[in-house]
């Protein structure tokens, strides 16, 4: 796994793009709002010290469409609001635009990954990220992060997502959703 698509360039998306680029991943950061992409570019420029700028900053590509973001993605993480309508809409788009190999990870505290995954053609490649929001914003380095799977989750998909978070410095644990 080498290419990560992050959907949404708000604070969480910006931080994830920065952390993933520092960890050596190629990142596509998408947002439909040009101002969010501009803020993300400025954030990355400020956060990356000069020796890192050429390498890590060059690993981030800023795009304005979901299609451009997911075209080459091995893993896609959405950073949309944790509400049913938003999650269903973005998962629908990701499922249809991303290559069949692409794994979809969605941060959620309130929604069932089983229900969300059932709305896709790839329930075996859908995983929930359940973590303290402060950890996901980089405020708690080395934090534990729960990755929630379903019975149909492919072991390779779970291993890829677990490996991604481990490379970002987290301590991931896998658990299967009940029901």
C-alpha atoms as a PDB file:
ATOM      1  CA  UNK A   1       0.000   0.000   0.000  1.00  0.00           C
ATOM      2  CA  UNK A   2       1.530   3.262  -1.109  1.00  0.00           C
ATOM      3  CA  UNK A   3      -1.214   5.678  -2.186  1.00  0.00           C
ATOM      4  CA  UNK A   4      -3.704   7.250   0.195  1.00  0.00           C
ATOM      5  CA  UNK A   5      -6.688   9.405  -0.760  1.00  0.00           C
ATOM      6  CA  UNK A   6      -8.069  11.718   1.892  1.00  0.00           C
ATOM      7  CA  UNK A   7     -11.486  13.183   1.214  1.00  0.00           C
ATOM      8  CA  UNK A   8     -11.961  16.515   2.936  1.00  0.00           C
ATOM      9  CA  UNK A   9      -9.206  19.065   3.586  1.00  0.00           C
ATOM     10  CA  UNK A  10     -10.551  20.390   6.880  1.00  0.00           C
ATOM     11  CA  UNK A  11      -8.462  20.112  10.055  1.00  0.00           C
ATOM     12  CA  UNK A  12      -8.591  16.296  10.198  1.00  0.00           C
ATOM     13  CA  UNK A  13      -7.866  15.868   6.494  1.00  0.00           C
ATOM     14  CA  UNK A  14      -4.965  18.313   6.632  1.00  0.00           C
ATOM     15  CA  UNK A  15      -3.403  16.576   9.588  1.00  0.00           C
ATOM     16  CA  UNK A  16      -3.855  13.125   8.031  1.00  0.00           C
ATOM     17  CA  UNK A  17      -2.264  14.314   4.785  1.00  0.00           C
ATOM     18  CA  UNK A  18       0.699  15.692   6.713  1.00  0.00           C
ATOM     19  CA  UNK A  19       1.124  12.550   8.833  1.00  0.00           C
ATOM     20  CA  UNK A  20       0.770  10.217   5.833  1.00  0.00           C
ATOM     21  CA  UNK A  21       3.266  12.220   3.753  1.00  0.00           C
ATOM     22  CA  UNK A  22       5.751  12.193   6.631  1.00  0.00           C
ATOM     23  CA  UNK A  23       5.282   8.414   6.876  1.00  0.00           C
ATOM     24  CA  UNK A  24       6.261   8.075   3.209  1.00  0.00           C
ATOM     25  CA  UNK A  25       2.864   7.627   1.570  1.00  0.00           C
ATOM     26  CA  UNK A  26       1.799   9.296  -1.640  1.00  0.00           C
ATOM     27  CA  UNK A  27      -1.286  11.358  -0.710  1.00  0.00           C
ATOM     28  CA  UNK A  28      -4.146  12.803  -2.728  1.00  0.00           C
ATOM     29  CA  UNK A  29      -5.997  15.393  -0.637  1.00  0.00           C
ATOM     30  CA  UNK A  30      -9.417  16.328  -2.009  1.00  0.00           C
ATOM     31  CA  UNK A  31     -11.886  19.040  -1.178  1.00  0.00           C
ATOM     32  CA  UNK A  32     -14.557  20.665  -3.310  1.00  0.00           C
ATOM     33  CA  UNK A  33     -13.938  23.983  -1.563  1.00  0.00           C
ATOM     34  CA  UNK A  34     -10.908  25.780  -3.036  1.00  0.00           C
ATOM     35  CA  UNK A  35     -10.412  27.691   0.230  1.00  0.00           C
ATOM     36  CA  UNK A  36     -10.020  24.413   2.168  1.00  0.00           C
ATOM     37  CA  UNK A  37      -7.366  23.216  -0.277  1.00  0.00           C
ATOM     38  CA  UNK A  38      -5.579  26.564  -0.009  1.00  0.00           C
ATOM     39  CA  UNK A  39      -5.609  26.351   3.811  1.00  0.00           C
ATOM     40  CA  UNK A  40      -4.316  22.781   3.578  1.00  0.00           C
ATOM     41  CA  UNK A  41      -1.452  23.857   1.304  1.00  0.00           C
ATOM     42  CA  UNK A  42      -0.493  26.622   3.734  1.00  0.00           C
ATOM     43  CA  UNK A  43      -0.763  24.259   6.709  1.00  0.00           C
ATOM     44  CA  UNK A  44       1.538  21.715   5.095  1.00  0.00           C
ATOM     45  CA  UNK A  45       3.996  24.403   4.036  1.00  0.00           C
ATOM     46  CA  UNK A  46       4.191  25.694   7.631  1.00  0.00           C
ATOM     47  CA  UNK A  47       4.394  22.249   9.253  1.00  0.00           C
ATOM     48  CA  UNK A  48       7.098  20.816   7.042  1.00  0.00           C
ATOM     49  CA  UNK A  49      10.517  22.117   7.923  1.00  0.00           C
ATOM     50  CA  UNK A  50      12.847  22.911   4.997  1.00  0.00           C
ATOM     51  CA  UNK A  51      14.606  19.505   4.863  1.00  0.00           C
ATOM     52  CA  UNK A  52      11.229  17.743   4.777  1.00  0.00           C
ATOM     53  CA  UNK A  53       9.552  20.139   2.393  1.00  0.00           C
ATOM     54  CA  UNK A  54      11.034  18.718  -0.780  1.00  0.00           C
ATOM     55  CA  UNK A  55      10.239  15.115   0.096  1.00  0.00           C
ATOM     56  CA  UNK A  56       7.064  15.084   2.203  1.00  0.00           C
ATOM     57  CA  UNK A  57       5.407  18.098   0.589  1.00  0.00           C
ATOM     58  CA  UNK A  58       6.021  16.626  -2.864  1.00  0.00           C
ATOM     59  CA  UNK A  59       4.143  13.502  -1.779  1.00  0.00           C
ATOM     60  CA  UNK A  60       0.877  15.461  -1.419  1.00  0.00           C
ATOM     61  CA  UNK A  61      -1.253  16.235  -4.453  1.00  0.00           C
ATOM     62  CA  UNK A  62      -4.156  18.615  -3.982  1.00  0.00           C
ATOM     63  CA  UNK A  63      -7.235  17.785  -6.063  1.00  0.00           C
ATOM     64  CA  UNK A  64     -10.765  19.152  -6.323  1.00  0.00           C
ATOM     65  CA  UNK A  65     -12.686  16.011  -7.303  1.00  0.00           C
ATOM     66  CA  UNK A  66     -13.249  12.682  -5.597  1.00  0.00           C
ATOM     67  CA  UNK A  67     -12.559  10.951  -8.898  1.00  0.00           C
ATOM     68  CA  UNK A  68      -9.077  12.478  -9.141  1.00  0.00           C
ATOM     69  CA  UNK A  69      -8.347  11.618  -5.511  1.00  0.00           C
ATOM     70  CA  UNK A  70      -9.274   7.937  -5.640  1.00  0.00           C
ATOM     71  CA  UNK A  71      -8.099   7.004  -9.141  1.00  0.00           C
ATOM     72  CA  UNK A  72      -4.848   5.418  -7.862  1.00  0.00           C
ATOM     73  CA  UNK A  73      -5.733   4.949  -4.187  1.00  0.00           C
ATOM     74  CA  UNK A  74      -4.975   1.818  -2.243  1.00  0.00           C
ATOM     75  CA  UNK A  75      -6.721   3.276   0.821  1.00  0.00           C
ATOM     76  CA  UNK A  76      -9.225   6.102   1.036  1.00  0.00           C
ATOM     77  CA  UNK A  77     -10.194   7.860   4.266  1.00  0.00           C
ATOM     78  CA  UNK A  78     -13.146  10.203   4.294  1.00  0.00           C
ATOM     79  CA  UNK A  79     -13.150  13.209   6.598  1.00  0.00           C
ATOM     80  CA  UNK A  80     -16.787  14.221   6.163  1.00  0.00           C
ATOM     81  CA  UNK A  81     -19.141  14.938   9.080  1.00  0.00           C
ATOM     82  CA  UNK A  82     -20.124  11.900  11.130  1.00  0.00           C
ATOM     83  CA  UNK A  83     -23.768  11.971  10.144  1.00  0.00           C
ATOM     84  CA  UNK A  84     -25.643   9.329   8.218  1.00  0.00           C
ATOM     85  CA  UNK A  85     -26.507  11.334   5.110  1.00  0.00           C
ATOM     86  CA  UNK A  86     -22.950  12.632   4.636  1.00  0.00           C
ATOM     87  CA  UNK A  87     -21.379   9.217   5.184  1.00  0.00           C
ATOM     88  CA  UNK A  88     -23.802   7.446   2.838  1.00  0.00           C
ATOM     89  CA  UNK A  89     -23.221  10.016   0.104  1.00  0.00           C
ATOM     90  CA  UNK A  90     -19.433   9.864   0.294  1.00  0.00           C
ATOM     91  CA  UNK A  91     -19.309   6.064   0.565  1.00  0.00           C
ATOM     92  CA  UNK A  92     -21.567   5.824  -2.480  1.00  0.00           C
ATOM     93  CA  UNK A  93     -19.187   8.059  -4.454  1.00  0.00           C
ATOM     94  CA  UNK A  94     -16.057   6.288  -3.241  1.00  0.00           C
ATOM     95  CA  UNK A  95     -17.490   2.861  -3.962  1.00  0.00           C
ATOM     96  CA  UNK A  96     -18.275   3.798  -7.551  1.00  0.00           C
ATOM     97  CA  UNK A  97     -15.178   5.830  -8.390  1.00  0.00           C
ATOM     98  CA  UNK A  98     -12.348   3.970  -6.666  1.00  0.00           C
ATOM     99  CA  UNK A  99     -10.676   0.922  -8.208  1.00  0.00           C
ATOM    100  CA  UNK A 100     -11.982  -2.418  -6.900  1.00  0.00           C
ATOM    101  CA  UNK A 101      -8.802  -2.960  -4.829  1.00  0.00           C
ATOM    102  CA  UNK A 102      -9.301   0.258  -2.830  1.00  0.00           C
ATOM    103  CA  UNK A 103     -10.063  -0.042   0.878  1.00  0.00           C
ATOM    104  CA  UNK A 104     -12.467   2.477   2.412  1.00  0.00           C
ATOM    105  CA  UNK A 105     -11.892   3.629   6.009  1.00  0.00           C
ATOM    106  CA  UNK A 106     -14.329   5.990   7.660  1.00  0.00           C
ATOM    107  CA  UNK A 107     -13.955   7.746  11.001  1.00  0.00           C
ATOM    108  CA  UNK A 108     -17.205   7.337  12.925  1.00  0.00           C
ATOM    109  CA  UNK A 109     -18.259   7.375  16.544  1.00  0.00           C
ATOM    110  CA  UNK A 110     -21.991   7.121  16.042  1.00  0.00           C
ATOM    111  CA  UNK A 111     -22.695   5.040  12.945  1.00  0.00           C
ATOM    112  CA  UNK A 112     -22.629   1.299  12.365  1.00  0.00           C
ATOM    113  CA  UNK A 113     -19.880   0.142  10.016  1.00  0.00           C
ATOM    114  CA  UNK A 114     -22.034  -2.898   9.212  1.00  0.00           C
ATOM    115  CA  UNK A 115     -24.833  -0.633   7.976  1.00  0.00           C
ATOM    116  CA  UNK A 116     -22.464   1.646   6.059  1.00  0.00           C
ATOM    117  CA  UNK A 117     -20.560  -1.236   4.457  1.00  0.00           C
ATOM    118  CA  UNK A 118     -23.824  -2.889   3.406  1.00  0.00           C
ATOM    119  CA  UNK A 119     -24.501   0.139   1.189  1.00  0.00           C
ATOM    120  CA  UNK A 120     -21.405  -0.572  -0.911  1.00  0.00           C
ATOM    121  CA  UNK A 121     -20.332  -3.200  -3.411  1.00  0.00           C
ATOM    122  CA  UNK A 122     -17.225  -3.813  -1.290  1.00  0.00           C
ATOM    123  CA  UNK A 123     -18.342  -4.492   2.290  1.00  0.00           C
ATOM    124  CA  UNK A 124     -15.250  -6.675   2.679  1.00  0.00           C
ATOM    125  CA  UNK A 125     -13.100  -3.542   2.244  1.00  0.00           C
ATOM    126  CA  UNK A 126     -14.919  -1.120   4.582  1.00  0.00           C
ATOM    127  CA  UNK A 127     -13.500  -0.383   8.034  1.00  0.00           C
ATOM    128  CA  UNK A 128     -14.498   2.108  10.715  1.00  0.00           C
ATOM    129  CA  UNK A 129     -11.949   4.206  12.551  1.00  0.00           C
ATOM    130  CA  UNK A 130     -13.067   4.711  16.153  1.00  0.00           C
ATOM    131  CA  UNK A 131     -10.738   7.010  18.036  1.00  0.00           C
ATOM    132  CA  UNK A 132     -10.685  10.010  20.289  1.00  0.00           C
ATOM    133  CA  UNK A 133     -10.996  13.052  17.982  1.00  0.00           C
ATOM    134  CA  UNK A 134      -7.929  14.563  19.660  1.00  0.00           C
ATOM    135  CA  UNK A 135      -5.907  11.501  18.631  1.00  0.00           C
ATOM    136  CA  UNK A 136      -7.076  11.837  15.043  1.00  0.00           C
ATOM    137  CA  UNK A 137      -5.980  15.450  14.978  1.00  0.00           C
ATOM    138  CA  UNK A 138      -2.439  14.630  16.050  1.00  0.00           C
ATOM    139  CA  UNK A 139      -2.843  15.998  19.578  1.00  0.00           C
ATOM    140  CA  UNK A 140      -2.199  12.613  21.194  1.00  0.00           C
ATOM    141  CA  UNK A 141       0.766  10.953  19.447  1.00  0.00           C
ATOM    142  CA  UNK A 142       1.144   7.237  20.113  1.00  0.00           C
ATOM    143  CA  UNK A 143      -2.536   6.878  20.965  1.00  0.00           C
ATOM    144  CA  UNK A 144      -4.507   3.705  20.702  1.00  0.00           C
ATOM    145  CA  UNK A 145      -6.894   3.628  17.784  1.00  0.00           C
ATOM    146  CA  UNK A 146      -9.723   1.142  17.333  1.00  0.00           C
ATOM    147  CA  UNK A 147     -10.379  -0.219  13.883  1.00  0.00           C
ATOM    148  CA  UNK A 148     -13.833  -1.758  13.657  1.00  0.00           C
ATOM    149  CA  UNK A 149     -14.486  -4.456  11.087  1.00  0.00           C
ATOM    150  CA  UNK A 150     -17.437  -6.653  10.178  1.00  0.00           C
ATOM    151  CA  UNK A 151     -17.589 -10.409   9.766  1.00  0.00           C
ATOM    152  CA  UNK A 152     -17.069 -10.031   5.993  1.00  0.00           C
ATOM    153  CA  UNK A 153     -13.993  -7.797   6.262  1.00  0.00           C
ATOM    154  CA  UNK A 154     -11.125  -9.258   4.259  1.00  0.00           C
ATOM    155  CA  UNK A 155      -8.116  -9.974   6.489  1.00  0.00           C
ATOM    156  CA  UNK A 156      -5.871  -8.222   3.935  1.00  0.00           C
ATOM    157  CA  UNK A 157      -7.981  -5.054   4.158  1.00  0.00           C
ATOM    158  CA  UNK A 158      -7.808  -5.027   7.941  1.00  0.00           C
ATOM    159  CA  UNK A 159      -4.044  -5.638   7.840  1.00  0.00           C
ATOM    160  CA  UNK A 160      -3.511  -2.742   5.400  1.00  0.00           C
ATOM    161  CA  UNK A 161      -5.466  -0.269   7.522  1.00  0.00           C
ATOM    162  CA  UNK A 162      -3.743  -1.483  10.678  1.00  0.00           C
ATOM    163  CA  UNK A 163      -0.344  -1.076   8.992  1.00  0.00           C
ATOM    164  CA  UNK A 164      -1.232   2.456   7.839  1.00  0.00           C
ATOM    165  CA  UNK A 165      -2.051   3.629  11.381  1.00  0.00           C
ATOM    166  CA  UNK A 166       0.989   1.884  12.818  1.00  0.00           C
ATOM    167  CA  UNK A 167       3.214   3.792  10.329  1.00  0.00           C
ATOM    168  CA  UNK A 168       1.566   7.007  11.521  1.00  0.00           C
ATOM    169  CA  UNK A 169       2.670   6.200  15.074  1.00  0.00           C
ATOM    170  CA  UNK A 170      -0.610   4.906  16.491  1.00  0.00           C
ATOM    171  CA  UNK A 171      -1.259   1.669  18.334  1.00  0.00           C
ATOM    172  CA  UNK A 172      -4.124   0.122  16.332  1.00  0.00           C
ATOM    173  CA  UNK A 173      -6.393  -2.608  17.624  1.00  0.00           C
ATOM    174  CA  UNK A 174      -8.892  -4.540  15.545  1.00  0.00           C
ATOM    175  CA  UNK A 175     -12.330  -5.413  16.802  1.00  0.00           C
ATOM    176  CA  UNK A 176     -15.312  -6.867  15.050  1.00  0.00           C
ATOM    177  CA  UNK A 177     -18.616  -5.001  15.229  1.00  0.00           C
ATOM    178  CA  UNK A 178     -21.334  -6.823  17.050  1.00  0.00           C
ATOM    179  CA  UNK A 179     -24.474  -7.796  15.210  1.00  0.00           C
END
